[in-house]
Amino acid sequence: MKLKLALATAGLLAAAPAFADSHGASGDVAAGEKAFRQCIACHVVVNDAGETLAGRKAKTGPNLYGIAGRPAGSVEGFKYSKGLQAAGEAGLVWNEEAFAEYVKDPSSFLKEVTGDSGARSNMSFKVRKEGDAENLYAYLASLSAM
């Protein structure tokens, strides 16, 4: 039984980079998994079956499962900032470029994409380490395949 589980896990891990690539992810999945540790205080990744793939039971931020290619501000039941809601209504979809720019400086990103100098994000954390934003996107995209 353990061997079957190990083989299944290895297969999923081997497929993860391909899935991340299919979503335009240029980052490193393994480095993104490590970088995600800074996100678990607020975010969780829970698939449609209710399985927690990453993080804890944090509810401060939205569930990040399926974020790659998802319209901004679209997790059912989550209360987004007005700025993020406006960006989503204007057609913002989370691709690697938009995600990376957002997590580096959420409020500045929303001001730029909405054209509203008063736009704010509820996310105050900023990813500062070079490459972490792209790696996070690749990691989150890879989890959507599981």
C-alpha atoms as a PDB file:
ATOM      1  CA  MET A   1       0.000   0.000   0.000  1.00  0.00           C
ATOM      2  CA  LYS A   2       2.797   2.400   0.882  1.00  0.00           C
ATOM      3  CA  LEU A   3       4.492   1.645  -2.434  1.00  0.00           C
ATOM      4  CA  LYS A   4       1.293   2.457  -4.366  1.00  0.00           C
ATOM      5  CA  LEU A   5       0.928   5.725  -2.462  1.00  0.00           C
ATOM      6  CA  ALA A   6       4.575   6.608  -3.100  1.00  0.00           C
ATOM      7  CA  LEU A   7       4.211   5.874  -6.826  1.00  0.00           C
ATOM      8  CA  ALA A   8       1.007   7.890  -7.068  1.00  0.00           C
ATOM      9  CA  THR A   9       2.616  10.821  -5.256  1.00  0.00           C
ATOM     10  CA  ALA A  10       5.671  10.661  -7.515  1.00  0.00           C
ATOM     11  CA  GLY A  11       3.414  10.711 -10.567  1.00  0.00           C
ATOM     12  CA  LEU A  12       1.523  13.755  -9.335  1.00  0.00           C
ATOM     13  CA  LEU A  13       4.737  15.586  -8.531  1.00  0.00           C
ATOM     14  CA  ALA A  14       6.106  14.785 -11.978  1.00  0.00           C
ATOM     15  CA  ALA A  15       2.943  16.186 -13.580  1.00  0.00           C
ATOM     16  CA  ALA A  16       2.953  19.376 -11.490  1.00  0.00           C
ATOM     17  CA  PRO A  17       5.625  21.233 -13.498  1.00  0.00           C
ATOM     18  CA  ALA A  18       3.805  20.438 -16.746  1.00  0.00           C
ATOM     19  CA  PHE A  19       0.570  21.842 -15.335  1.00  0.00           C
ATOM     20  CA  ALA A  20       2.383  24.929 -14.089  1.00  0.00           C
ATOM     21  CA  ASP A  21       3.902  25.353 -17.570  1.00  0.00           C
ATOM     22  CA  SER A  22       0.453  25.073 -19.148  1.00  0.00           C
ATOM     23  CA  HIS A  23      -0.616  28.087 -17.100  1.00  0.00           C
ATOM     24  CA  GLY A  24       2.309  30.214 -18.247  1.00  0.00           C
ATOM     25  CA  ALA A  25       4.280  29.684 -15.058  1.00  0.00           C
ATOM     26  CA  SER A  26       7.998  30.314 -15.399  1.00  0.00           C
ATOM     27  CA  GLY A  27       8.826  29.909 -11.711  1.00  0.00           C
ATOM     28  CA  ASP A  28      10.194  26.966  -9.781  1.00  0.00           C
ATOM     29  CA  VAL A  29       7.497  24.845  -8.129  1.00  0.00           C
ATOM     30  CA  ALA A  30       9.746  23.576  -5.311  1.00  0.00           C
ATOM     31  CA  ALA A  31      10.969  27.096  -4.514  1.00  0.00           C
ATOM     32  CA  GLY A  32       7.349  28.271  -4.597  1.00  0.00           C
ATOM     33  CA  GLU A  33       6.359  25.615  -2.089  1.00  0.00           C
ATOM     34  CA  LYS A  34       9.066  26.903   0.243  1.00  0.00           C
ATOM     35  CA  ALA A  35       8.036  30.540  -0.347  1.00  0.00           C
ATOM     36  CA  PHE A  36       4.396  29.660   0.407  1.00  0.00           C
ATOM     37  CA  ARG A  37       5.353  29.331   4.075  1.00  0.00           C
ATOM     38  CA  GLN A  38       5.115  33.127   4.279  1.00  0.00           C
ATOM     39  CA  CYS A  39       1.500  32.942   3.053  1.00  0.00           C
ATOM     40  CA  ILE A  40       0.045  30.297   5.364  1.00  0.00           C
ATOM     41  CA  ALA A  41      -0.831  32.736   8.121  1.00  0.00           C
ATOM     42  CA  CYS A  42      -3.610  34.069   5.879  1.00  0.00           C
ATOM     43  CA  HIS A  43      -4.110  31.661   2.965  1.00  0.00           C
ATOM     44  CA  VAL A  44      -4.947  28.031   2.420  1.00  0.00           C
ATOM     45  CA  VAL A  45      -5.203  25.864  -0.684  1.00  0.00           C
ATOM     46  CA  VAL A  46      -8.211  23.543  -0.446  1.00  0.00           C
ATOM     47  CA  ASN A  47      -9.352  21.604  -3.510  1.00  0.00           C
ATOM     48  CA  ASP A  48     -12.958  21.062  -4.588  1.00  0.00           C
ATOM     49  CA  ALA A  49     -13.083  17.783  -2.624  1.00  0.00           C
ATOM     50  CA  GLY A  50     -12.285  19.698   0.587  1.00  0.00           C
ATOM     51  CA  GLU A  51      -8.725  18.400   0.930  1.00  0.00           C
ATOM     52  CA  THR A  52      -6.166  20.871   2.266  1.00  0.00           C
ATOM     53  CA  LEU A  53      -3.253  20.829  -0.192  1.00  0.00           C
ATOM     54  CA  ALA A  54      -1.252  23.623   1.422  1.00  0.00           C
ATOM     55  CA  GLY A  55      -1.450  25.894   4.410  1.00  0.00           C
ATOM     56  CA  ARG A  56      -3.554  25.592   7.496  1.00  0.00           C
ATOM     57  CA  LYS A  57      -7.152  26.490   8.096  1.00  0.00           C
ATOM     58  CA  ALA A  58      -6.469  30.208   7.660  1.00  0.00           C
ATOM     59  CA  LYS A  59      -9.446  32.290   6.569  1.00  0.00           C
ATOM     60  CA  THR A  60      -8.004  35.812   6.501  1.00  0.00           C
ATOM     61  CA  GLY A  61      -7.276  35.569   2.779  1.00  0.00           C
ATOM     62  CA  PRO A  62      -9.166  33.660   0.091  1.00  0.00           C
ATOM     63  CA  ASN A  63      -8.561  30.033  -0.813  1.00  0.00           C
ATOM     64  CA  LEU A  64      -5.866  30.037  -3.506  1.00  0.00           C
ATOM     65  CA  TYR A  65      -6.877  26.764  -5.144  1.00  0.00           C
ATOM     66  CA  GLY A  66      -7.309  27.268  -8.877  1.00  0.00           C
ATOM     67  CA  ILE A  67      -5.963  30.821  -8.867  1.00  0.00           C
ATOM     68  CA  ALA A  68      -4.093  30.330 -12.154  1.00  0.00           C
ATOM     69  CA  GLY A  69      -6.422  31.641 -14.845  1.00  0.00           C
ATOM     70  CA  ARG A  70      -9.177  32.620 -12.397  1.00  0.00           C
ATOM     71  CA  PRO A  71     -10.840  36.044 -12.538  1.00  0.00           C
ATOM     72  CA  ALA A  72      -9.685  38.306  -9.712  1.00  0.00           C
ATOM     73  CA  GLY A  73     -12.000  38.571  -6.734  1.00  0.00           C
ATOM     74  CA  SER A  74     -14.068  35.531  -7.644  1.00  0.00           C
ATOM     75  CA  VAL A  75     -13.865  33.120  -4.684  1.00  0.00           C
ATOM     76  CA  GLU A  76     -17.466  32.632  -3.642  1.00  0.00           C
ATOM     77  CA  GLY A  77     -18.247  33.974  -0.182  1.00  0.00           C
ATOM     78  CA  PHE A  78     -14.976  35.859   0.337  1.00  0.00           C
ATOM     79  CA  LYS A  79     -15.179  39.593   1.042  1.00  0.00           C
ATOM     80  CA  TYR A  80     -12.663  41.340  -1.202  1.00  0.00           C
ATOM     81  CA  SER A  81     -11.584  44.976  -1.068  1.00  0.00           C
ATOM     82  CA  LYS A  82     -13.479  47.348  -3.335  1.00  0.00           C
ATOM     83  CA  GLY A  83     -10.290  47.833  -5.362  1.00  0.00           C
ATOM     84  CA  LEU A  84      -9.879  44.122  -6.062  1.00  0.00           C
ATOM     85  CA  GLN A  85     -13.583  43.771  -6.839  1.00  0.00           C
ATOM     86  CA  ALA A  86     -13.284  46.615  -9.350  1.00  0.00           C
ATOM     87  CA  ALA A  87     -10.229  45.014 -10.965  1.00  0.00           C
ATOM     88  CA  GLY A  88     -12.066  41.707 -11.301  1.00  0.00           C
ATOM     89  CA  GLU A  89     -15.155  43.377 -12.730  1.00  0.00           C
ATOM     90  CA  ALA A  90     -12.907  45.135 -15.243  1.00  0.00           C
ATOM     91  CA  GLY A  91     -11.649  41.743 -16.427  1.00  0.00           C
ATOM     92  CA  LEU A  92      -8.463  41.106 -14.440  1.00  0.00           C
ATOM     93  CA  VAL A  93      -7.548  37.415 -14.610  1.00  0.00           C
ATOM     94  CA  TRP A  94      -4.740  35.943 -12.530  1.00  0.00           C
ATOM     95  CA  ASN A  95      -1.930  35.039 -14.877  1.00  0.00           C
ATOM     96  CA  GLU A  96       1.695  34.906 -13.772  1.00  0.00           C
ATOM     97  CA  GLU A  97       2.432  38.534 -14.627  1.00  0.00           C
ATOM     98  CA  ALA A  98      -0.611  39.983 -12.852  1.00  0.00           C
ATOM     99  CA  PHE A  99      -0.199  37.692  -9.825  1.00  0.00           C
ATOM    100  CA  ALA A 100       3.497  38.524  -9.457  1.00  0.00           C
ATOM    101  CA  GLU A 101       2.926  42.270  -9.673  1.00  0.00           C
ATOM    102  CA  TYR A 102       0.015  42.098  -7.246  1.00  0.00           C
ATOM    103  CA  VAL A 103       1.828  40.154  -4.520  1.00  0.00           C
ATOM    104  CA  LYS A 104       4.850  42.461  -4.737  1.00  0.00           C
ATOM    105  CA  ASP A 105       2.734  45.534  -3.892  1.00  0.00           C
ATOM    106  CA  PRO A 106      -1.017  44.845  -3.758  1.00  0.00           C
ATOM    107  CA  SER A 107      -2.380  48.368  -3.312  1.00  0.00           C
ATOM    108  CA  SER A 108      -0.046  49.956  -5.884  1.00  0.00           C
ATOM    109  CA  PHE A 109      -1.009  47.251  -8.370  1.00  0.00           C
ATOM    110  CA  LEU A 110      -4.726  47.904  -7.852  1.00  0.00           C
ATOM    111  CA  LYS A 111      -4.254  51.659  -8.203  1.00  0.00           C
ATOM    112  CA  GLU A 112      -2.533  51.082 -11.525  1.00  0.00           C
ATOM    113  CA  VAL A 113      -4.953  48.554 -13.013  1.00  0.00           C
ATOM    114  CA  THR A 114      -8.112  50.344 -11.888  1.00  0.00           C
ATOM    115  CA  GLY A 115      -6.887  53.889 -12.496  1.00  0.00           C
ATOM    116  CA  ASP A 116      -8.227  54.756  -9.038  1.00  0.00           C
ATOM    117  CA  SER A 117      -5.648  56.462  -6.825  1.00  0.00           C
ATOM    118  CA  GLY A 118      -7.721  55.489  -3.785  1.00  0.00           C
ATOM    119  CA  ALA A 119      -7.855  51.767  -4.600  1.00  0.00           C
ATOM    120  CA  ARG A 120      -6.613  49.595  -1.773  1.00  0.00           C
ATOM    121  CA  SER A 121      -6.069  45.913  -1.167  1.00  0.00           C
ATOM    122  CA  ASN A 122      -6.911  44.062   2.022  1.00  0.00           C
ATOM    123  CA  MET A 123      -3.594  42.245   1.611  1.00  0.00           C
ATOM    124  CA  SER A 124      -0.913  44.268   3.376  1.00  0.00           C
ATOM    125  CA  PHE A 125       1.872  41.684   2.966  1.00  0.00           C
ATOM    126  CA  LYS A 126       4.360  42.251   0.131  1.00  0.00           C
ATOM    127  CA  VAL A 127       6.549  39.564  -1.411  1.00  0.00           C
ATOM    128  CA  ARG A 128      10.019  41.099  -1.435  1.00  0.00           C
ATOM    129  CA  LYS A 129      12.487  38.352  -2.334  1.00  0.00           C
ATOM    130  CA  GLU A 130      13.432  38.289  -6.029  1.00  0.00           C
ATOM    131  CA  GLY A 131      11.751  35.424  -7.873  1.00  0.00           C
ATOM    132  CA  ASP A 132       9.404  34.438  -5.034  1.00  0.00           C
ATOM    133  CA  ALA A 133       6.304  35.865  -6.737  1.00  0.00           C
ATOM    134  CA  GLU A 134       6.830  33.813  -9.905  1.00  0.00           C
ATOM    135  CA  ASN A 135       7.733  30.741  -7.852  1.00  0.00           C
ATOM    136  CA  LEU A 136       4.572  31.130  -5.771  1.00  0.00           C
ATOM    137  CA  TYR A 137       2.464  31.311  -8.920  1.00  0.00           C
ATOM    138  CA  ALA A 138       4.120  28.153 -10.315  1.00  0.00           C
ATOM    139  CA  TYR A 139       3.511  26.328  -7.037  1.00  0.00           C
ATOM    140  CA  LEU A 140      -0.133  27.382  -6.802  1.00  0.00           C
ATOM    141  CA  ALA A 141      -0.707  26.471 -10.459  1.00  0.00           C
ATOM    142  CA  SER A 142       0.801  23.041  -9.822  1.00  0.00           C
ATOM    143  CA  LEU A 143      -1.608  22.386  -6.947  1.00  0.00           C
ATOM    144  CA  SER A 144      -4.593  22.907  -9.224  1.00  0.00           C
ATOM    145  CA  ALA A 145      -3.601  19.728 -11.084  1.00  0.00           C
ATOM    146  CA  MET A 146      -3.925  17.535  -7.998  1.00  0.00           C
END
